Structures are given as C-alpha cells and as structure tokens.
Amino acid sequence: MRRKSNHLESIKKEAVSLLLDGYRTESVARKLEVNPVTVRRWLKQYEDEVDLIMAQRRSKEERMQEAAEQLPVLKEKYQKAIKLLGEKELEIEILRELVKKKHPDWKPPLSGSKKDML
C-alpha cells in the first residue's frame, strides 16, 4: 500500500510542477489521465509549497533582471579596461625602444615576473 501512496504523491507533484511551468490545467489533466478538478485540488493541497516555489522563482527572476540591467555598464567598463591595457602595452613598447636606443646591448626579460628582472 505504501508503494501506491508514493506513486500517487509523485504524480501529484508532477502535476503541480507542470502547472507551475505554465501548462494549462486541462492539458495536465489530459496528460496524467485525471479529471481537471482533481488537478486543481492537488494544486490547492500543495499551496504552501507552491507559494514557496513561486517566491523562489520571483527572487531568481529579480536577480536575473538586476544582472541584465548591469550588463551594459559592465560591458562599457570592460571596453575601457581593454583600451587602457592596449595603451599601456604600447607605452611599454615605446619605453623598451627608448631603452634599446640608449643601451643597445639591453635585452628585455622573457616574462613579466619580478624574479626574471632581478
């Protein structure tokens, strides 16, 4: 008897899950081969859990909306950082050329680590 009870619970939860995903009550009832009134009753039975799930979804959607609003700002900052990096690399190259002119036997370190410079 316990097995049947667990199976029924999983069917109920599947129905509620489908409803939360946006499926119509009639479609869910047809898929699970039950009466639409039964599906509505199951939804009411799990109302507390449904409210919690919906609150979590709203929270997640709000966080996604905030992230989407920040995206243009982050892209702009990224582009500025890339531009600045390019300018700094050009500046370093110019300085290396100046050092080479003044000290022809000077060779730049292979990597940019401080160990190599010592």
Protein backbone atom coordinates (compact mmCIF):
# COMPACT_ATOMS: atom_id res chain seq x y z
CA MET A 1 0.00 0.00 0.00
CA ARG A 2 2.92 2.32 0.70
CA ARG A 3 4.19 1.95 -2.86
CA LYS A 4 0.86 3.18 -4.28
CA SER A 5 0.89 6.17 -1.93
CA ASN A 6 4.41 7.18 -3.01
CA HIS A 7 3.44 6.80 -6.65
CA LEU A 8 0.35 8.98 -6.18
CA GLU A 9 2.42 11.64 -4.42
CA SER A 10 4.88 11.72 -7.31
CA ILE A 11 2.02 12.09 -9.80
CA LYS A 12 0.55 14.94 -7.74
CA LYS A 13 3.89 16.71 -7.56
CA GLU A 14 4.44 16.22 -11.29
CA ALA A 15 1.04 17.78 -11.97
CA VAL A 16 1.79 20.77 -9.75
CA SER A 17 5.20 21.15 -11.34
CA LEU A 18 3.68 21.19 -14.82
CA LEU A 19 1.17 23.80 -13.72
CA LEU A 20 3.99 25.95 -12.34
CA ASP A 21 5.81 25.61 -15.65
CA GLY A 22 2.84 27.25 -17.31
CA TYR A 23 0.83 24.33 -18.63
CA ARG A 24 -2.95 24.65 -18.51
CA THR A 25 -4.89 22.58 -16.01
CA GLU A 26 -6.79 20.78 -18.76
CA SER A 27 -3.58 19.82 -20.56
CA VAL A 28 -2.00 18.47 -17.38
CA ALA A 29 -5.17 16.52 -16.53
CA ARG A 30 -5.28 15.02 -20.02
CA LYS A 31 -1.58 14.08 -19.87
CA LEU A 32 -1.96 12.39 -16.48
CA GLU A 33 -5.37 10.94 -17.37
CA VAL A 34 -7.19 12.52 -14.45
CA ASN A 35 -10.05 14.97 -14.06
CA PRO A 36 -9.11 18.69 -14.21
CA VAL A 37 -10.93 19.21 -10.90
CA THR A 38 -8.56 16.68 -9.34
CA VAL A 39 -5.55 18.59 -10.67
CA ARG A 40 -6.91 21.83 -9.18
CA ARG A 41 -7.43 20.04 -5.85
CA TRP A 42 -3.83 18.83 -5.90
CA LEU A 43 -2.66 22.37 -6.59
CA LYS A 44 -4.64 23.61 -3.61
CA GLN A 45 -3.26 20.73 -1.48
CA TYR A 46 0.29 21.82 -2.23
CA GLU A 47 -0.48 25.53 -2.00
CA ASP A 48 2.15 26.25 0.68
CA GLU A 49 4.86 24.52 -1.32
CA VAL A 50 3.68 26.26 -4.48
CA ASP A 51 3.86 29.67 -2.79
CA LEU A 52 7.41 28.93 -1.66
CA ILE A 53 8.45 27.77 -5.14
CA MET A 54 6.86 30.81 -6.76
CA ALA A 55 8.63 33.14 -4.31
CA GLN A 56 11.94 31.47 -5.14
CA ARG A 57 11.25 31.85 -8.86
CA ARG A 58 10.37 35.53 -8.44
CA SER A 59 13.55 36.07 -6.46
CA LYS A 60 15.60 34.35 -9.15
CA GLU A 61 13.88 36.38 -11.87
CA GLU A 62 14.58 39.60 -9.95
CA ARG A 63 18.27 38.70 -9.64
CA MET A 64 18.41 37.92 -13.35
CA GLN A 65 16.75 41.26 -14.14
CA GLU A 66 19.29 43.11 -11.97
CA ALA A 67 22.14 41.29 -13.70
CA ALA A 68 20.67 42.15 -17.10
CA GLU A 69 20.48 45.81 -16.10
CA GLN A 70 24.14 45.78 -15.01
CA LEU A 71 25.33 44.16 -18.23
CA PRO A 72 25.68 47.35 -20.33
CA VAL A 73 27.65 49.04 -17.54
CA LEU A 74 29.94 46.03 -17.22
CA LYS A 75 30.46 45.90 -20.98
CA GLU A 76 31.43 49.56 -21.00
CA LYS A 77 33.90 49.04 -18.14
CA TYR A 78 35.33 46.02 -19.95
CA GLN A 79 35.85 48.03 -23.15
CA LYS A 80 37.56 50.82 -21.20
CA ALA A 81 39.84 48.29 -19.49
CA ILE A 82 40.76 46.71 -22.83
CA LYS A 83 41.55 50.14 -24.30
CA LEU A 84 43.66 51.06 -21.26
CA LEU A 85 45.51 47.77 -21.47
CA GLY A 86 46.30 48.39 -25.13
CA GLU A 87 47.58 51.87 -24.32
CA LYS A 88 49.78 50.52 -21.53
CA GLU A 89 51.22 47.83 -23.79
CA LEU A 90 52.01 50.49 -26.41
CA GLU A 91 53.61 52.67 -23.74
CA ILE A 92 55.77 49.76 -22.54
CA GLU A 93 56.87 49.03 -26.10
CA ILE A 94 57.82 52.69 -26.64
CA LEU A 95 59.83 52.67 -23.41
CA ARG A 96 61.61 49.48 -24.45
CA GLU A 97 62.56 51.08 -27.76
CA LEU A 98 63.94 54.12 -25.93
CA VAL A 99 65.99 51.90 -23.61
CA LYS A 100 67.33 49.94 -26.61
CA LYS A 101 68.47 53.16 -28.27
CA LYS A 102 70.27 54.30 -25.15
CA HIS A 103 71.63 50.81 -24.23
CA PRO A 104 71.88 48.67 -27.41
CA ASP A 105 73.04 45.53 -25.56
CA TRP A 106 70.00 45.52 -23.21
CA LYS A 107 67.52 42.66 -23.65
CA PRO A 108 64.05 42.63 -22.13
CA PRO A 109 63.19 39.81 -19.72
CA LEU A 110 61.36 36.85 -21.26
CA SER A 111 58.41 37.11 -18.91
CA GLY A 112 57.00 39.96 -16.92
CA SER A 113 57.68 38.44 -13.50
CA LYS A 114 59.83 40.27 -10.97
CA LYS A 115 62.06 37.21 -10.49
CA ASP A 116 63.27 37.49 -14.07
CA MET A 117 64.11 41.16 -13.61
CA LEU A 118 66.35 40.53 -10.58
